[in-house]
N, C-alpha and C. Protein backbone atom coordinates (compact mmCIF):
# COMPACT_ATOMS: atom_id res chain seq x y z
N MET A 1 154.83 236.51 171.32
CA MET A 1 155.29 237.49 172.28
C MET A 1 156.54 238.15 171.69
N ASN A 2 156.54 239.47 171.64
CA ASN A 2 157.70 240.15 171.08
C ASN A 2 158.84 240.24 172.09
N ARG A 3 159.99 240.67 171.62
CA ARG A 3 161.19 240.70 172.46
C ARG A 3 161.04 241.61 173.67
N GLN A 4 160.47 242.79 173.46
CA GLN A 4 160.30 243.74 174.56
C GLN A 4 159.37 243.16 175.63
N ALA A 5 158.31 242.51 175.22
CA ALA A 5 157.38 241.90 176.17
C ALA A 5 158.08 240.80 176.97
N LYS A 6 158.92 240.02 176.30
CA LYS A 6 159.66 238.96 176.99
C LYS A 6 160.60 239.54 178.03
N GLN A 7 161.29 240.64 177.68
CA GLN A 7 162.21 241.27 178.63
C GLN A 7 161.46 241.82 179.83
N GLN A 8 160.32 242.43 179.59
CA GLN A 8 159.48 242.95 180.66
C GLN A 8 159.06 241.83 181.59
N LEU A 9 158.64 240.74 181.00
CA LEU A 9 158.15 239.60 181.77
C LEU A 9 159.26 239.00 182.62
N MET A 10 160.45 238.91 182.07
CA MET A 10 161.57 238.31 182.79
C MET A 10 162.00 239.18 183.98
N LYS A 11 161.76 240.48 183.91
CA LYS A 11 162.09 241.35 185.03
C LYS A 11 161.15 241.09 186.20
N ARG A 12 159.92 240.77 185.91
CA ARG A 12 158.89 240.59 186.94
C ARG A 12 158.79 239.16 187.44
N PHE A 13 159.03 238.21 186.56
CA PHE A 13 158.81 236.80 186.89
C PHE A 13 160.08 235.98 186.67
N THR A 14 160.21 234.90 187.43
CA THR A 14 161.34 233.99 187.24
C THR A 14 161.12 233.19 185.97
N SER A 15 162.19 232.59 185.47
CA SER A 15 162.05 231.78 184.25
C SER A 15 161.12 230.60 184.49
N GLY A 16 161.13 230.06 185.72
CA GLY A 16 160.20 228.98 186.05
C GLY A 16 158.76 229.43 185.98
N GLN A 17 158.50 230.65 186.45
CA GLN A 17 157.13 231.17 186.40
C GLN A 17 156.71 231.41 184.95
N VAL A 18 157.63 231.84 184.12
CA VAL A 18 157.30 232.06 182.71
C VAL A 18 156.89 230.74 182.06
N GLU A 19 157.60 229.67 182.37
CA GLU A 19 157.23 228.36 181.83
C GLU A 19 155.85 227.93 182.33
N ILE A 20 155.57 228.22 183.58
CA ILE A 20 154.25 227.90 184.14
C ILE A 20 153.18 228.74 183.44
N CYS A 21 153.49 229.98 183.14
CA CYS A 21 152.54 230.85 182.42
C CYS A 21 152.19 230.26 181.07
N LYS A 22 153.16 229.69 180.39
CA LYS A 22 152.90 229.06 179.10
C LYS A 22 151.92 227.89 179.27
N LYS A 23 152.13 227.13 180.33
CA LYS A 23 151.22 226.01 180.61
C LYS A 23 149.83 226.53 180.98
N LEU A 24 149.78 227.59 181.80
CA LEU A 24 148.50 228.18 182.19
C LEU A 24 147.74 228.68 180.97
N LEU A 25 148.46 229.25 180.03
CA LEU A 25 147.81 229.75 178.82
C LEU A 25 147.13 228.61 178.07
N LYS A 26 147.80 227.48 177.97
CA LYS A 26 147.18 226.32 177.31
C LYS A 26 145.96 225.84 178.10
N LEU A 27 146.10 225.79 179.42
CA LEU A 27 144.98 225.35 180.26
C LEU A 27 143.81 226.32 180.20
N SER A 28 144.09 227.61 180.04
CA SER A 28 143.02 228.61 180.03
C SER A 28 142.06 228.39 178.87
N ARG A 29 142.53 227.72 177.85
CA ARG A 29 141.68 227.41 176.69
C ARG A 29 140.85 226.15 176.91
N GLN A 30 141.05 225.51 178.07
CA GLN A 30 140.36 224.26 178.35
C GLN A 30 139.58 224.30 179.66
N VAL A 31 139.27 225.50 180.16
CA VAL A 31 138.62 225.58 181.47
C VAL A 31 137.21 224.98 181.48
N HIS A 32 136.71 224.58 180.33
CA HIS A 32 135.43 223.88 180.30
C HIS A 32 135.59 222.44 180.82
N LYS A 33 136.84 221.98 180.95
CA LYS A 33 137.13 220.63 181.46
C LYS A 33 137.51 220.72 182.94
N PHE A 34 136.94 219.86 183.74
CA PHE A 34 137.18 219.86 185.19
C PHE A 34 138.67 219.78 185.53
N ASN A 35 139.37 218.81 184.98
CA ASN A 35 140.78 218.62 185.31
C ASN A 35 141.63 219.83 184.92
N ALA A 36 141.30 220.47 183.83
CA ALA A 36 142.03 221.67 183.40
C ALA A 36 141.82 222.81 184.39
N ARG A 37 140.59 222.95 184.88
CA ARG A 37 140.31 224.01 185.87
C ARG A 37 141.10 223.77 187.15
N VAL A 38 141.10 222.54 187.60
CA VAL A 38 141.83 222.21 188.83
C VAL A 38 143.32 222.47 188.64
N GLU A 39 143.88 221.99 187.55
CA GLU A 39 145.31 222.18 187.31
C GLU A 39 145.65 223.66 187.16
N PHE A 40 144.79 224.42 186.48
CA PHE A 40 145.00 225.86 186.32
C PHE A 40 145.11 226.53 187.68
N LEU A 41 144.18 226.23 188.57
CA LEU A 41 144.19 226.86 189.90
C LEU A 41 145.37 226.38 190.75
N VAL A 42 145.66 225.11 190.70
CA VAL A 42 146.79 224.58 191.48
C VAL A 42 148.09 225.27 191.05
N LEU A 43 148.34 225.34 189.77
CA LEU A 43 149.56 225.97 189.28
C LEU A 43 149.59 227.47 189.59
N THR A 44 148.44 228.11 189.46
CA THR A 44 148.37 229.55 189.72
C THR A 44 148.75 229.86 191.16
N PHE A 45 148.19 229.12 192.10
CA PHE A 45 148.49 229.38 193.50
C PHE A 45 149.87 228.86 193.90
N LYS A 46 150.23 227.70 193.43
CA LYS A 46 151.51 227.09 193.79
C LYS A 46 152.69 227.97 193.38
N HIS A 47 152.56 228.64 192.26
CA HIS A 47 153.65 229.45 191.73
C HIS A 47 153.44 230.95 191.94
N ASP A 48 152.53 231.27 192.86
CA ASP A 48 152.30 232.66 193.27
C ASP A 48 151.98 233.58 192.09
N LEU A 49 151.08 233.14 191.23
CA LEU A 49 150.72 233.91 190.05
C LEU A 49 149.28 234.42 190.06
N ALA A 50 148.55 234.17 191.14
CA ALA A 50 147.14 234.55 191.19
C ALA A 50 146.95 236.05 190.99
N ASP A 51 147.71 236.87 191.69
CA ASP A 51 147.57 238.32 191.54
C ASP A 51 147.90 238.77 190.12
N ALA A 52 148.94 238.20 189.55
CA ALA A 52 149.34 238.57 188.19
C ALA A 52 148.26 238.19 187.18
N VAL A 53 147.59 237.07 187.40
CA VAL A 53 146.51 236.65 186.51
C VAL A 53 145.32 237.59 186.67
N VAL A 54 144.88 237.77 187.90
CA VAL A 54 143.67 238.55 188.17
C VAL A 54 143.85 240.02 187.78
N ARG A 55 145.04 240.54 187.91
CA ARG A 55 145.30 241.95 187.57
C ARG A 55 145.70 242.14 186.11
N TYR A 56 145.62 241.10 185.32
CA TYR A 56 145.94 241.13 183.88
C TYR A 56 147.39 241.50 183.60
N GLU A 57 148.30 241.31 184.57
CA GLU A 57 149.71 241.58 184.33
C GLU A 57 150.27 240.65 183.25
N LEU A 58 149.89 239.40 183.31
CA LEU A 58 150.38 238.44 182.32
C LEU A 58 149.81 238.76 180.95
N TRP A 59 148.54 239.07 180.91
CA TRP A 59 147.87 239.42 179.66
C TRP A 59 148.58 240.61 179.01
N ASP A 60 148.87 241.62 179.82
CA ASP A 60 149.51 242.84 179.31
C ASP A 60 150.95 242.62 178.89
N ASN A 61 151.54 241.53 179.34
CA ASN A 61 152.94 241.26 179.02
C ASN A 61 153.11 240.09 178.07
N GLY A 62 152.12 239.86 177.23
CA GLY A 62 152.29 238.90 176.16
C GLY A 62 151.53 237.59 176.29
N PHE A 63 150.90 237.36 177.42
CA PHE A 63 150.13 236.13 177.60
C PHE A 63 148.64 236.45 177.48
N GLU A 64 148.24 236.93 176.30
CA GLU A 64 146.84 237.24 176.07
C GLU A 64 146.03 235.97 176.26
N GLY A 65 145.04 236.05 177.13
CA GLY A 65 144.23 234.89 177.44
C GLY A 65 144.40 234.46 178.89
N LEU A 66 145.29 235.11 179.62
CA LEU A 66 145.46 234.82 181.04
C LEU A 66 145.04 236.05 181.84
N GLY A 67 143.80 236.01 182.29
CA GLY A 67 143.28 237.15 183.04
C GLY A 67 142.21 236.73 184.03
N GLU A 68 141.61 237.73 184.62
CA GLU A 68 140.60 237.49 185.65
C GLU A 68 139.45 236.63 185.15
N ARG A 69 139.05 236.85 183.91
CA ARG A 69 137.93 236.08 183.35
C ARG A 69 138.22 234.58 183.38
N GLN A 70 139.41 234.19 182.97
CA GLN A 70 139.77 232.77 182.95
C GLN A 70 139.86 232.22 184.37
N PHE A 71 140.39 233.02 185.28
CA PHE A 71 140.49 232.62 186.68
C PHE A 71 139.09 232.40 187.25
N ASP A 72 138.20 233.37 187.03
CA ASP A 72 136.83 233.26 187.53
C ASP A 72 136.08 232.08 186.93
N ASN A 73 136.33 231.80 185.66
CA ASN A 73 135.65 230.67 185.01
C ASN A 73 135.90 229.36 185.75
N CYS A 74 137.03 229.24 186.38
CA CYS A 74 137.35 228.00 187.11
C CYS A 74 136.37 227.75 188.25
N PHE A 75 135.74 228.81 188.74
CA PHE A 75 134.80 228.68 189.86
C PHE A 75 133.34 228.76 189.42
N GLU A 76 133.09 229.05 188.16
CA GLU A 76 131.74 229.34 187.71
C GLU A 76 131.13 228.26 186.81
N MET A 77 131.63 227.06 186.89
CA MET A 77 131.15 226.01 186.01
C MET A 77 130.20 225.05 186.71
N GLY A 78 129.67 225.46 187.86
CA GLY A 78 128.69 224.65 188.56
C GLY A 78 129.28 223.64 189.53
N ASP A 79 130.59 223.63 189.67
CA ASP A 79 131.21 222.66 190.57
C ASP A 79 132.35 223.27 191.40
N PRO A 80 132.15 224.48 191.94
CA PRO A 80 133.26 225.12 192.66
C PRO A 80 133.74 224.34 193.87
N ALA A 81 132.83 223.68 194.57
CA ALA A 81 133.25 222.92 195.76
C ALA A 81 134.20 221.78 195.37
N GLU A 82 133.92 221.11 194.27
CA GLU A 82 134.78 220.03 193.81
C GLU A 82 136.12 220.56 193.30
N VAL A 83 136.09 221.69 192.63
CA VAL A 83 137.32 222.29 192.10
C VAL A 83 138.23 222.71 193.25
N ILE A 84 137.65 223.29 194.27
CA ILE A 84 138.43 223.77 195.42
C ILE A 84 138.98 222.60 196.23
N ALA A 85 138.19 221.54 196.35
CA ALA A 85 138.62 220.38 197.14
C ALA A 85 139.82 219.75 196.48
């Protein structure tokens, strides 16, 4: 992430949310695993980042790999009821 992208991100998100975004980015690469999907969704909602993920705000600001596709994948692996529970 370049300096300008970091500055943009810090204007929109708290430093705590930025740290969560880093964790979400790691989890987004593991959405084929049940626990990763659950943790991804819990963190996304708990830290009020769902809109930013779905609207590709994070992707556009340096977190390539955090977007609607990754969010949707959490529900499309054949076990949405278990993931939501």
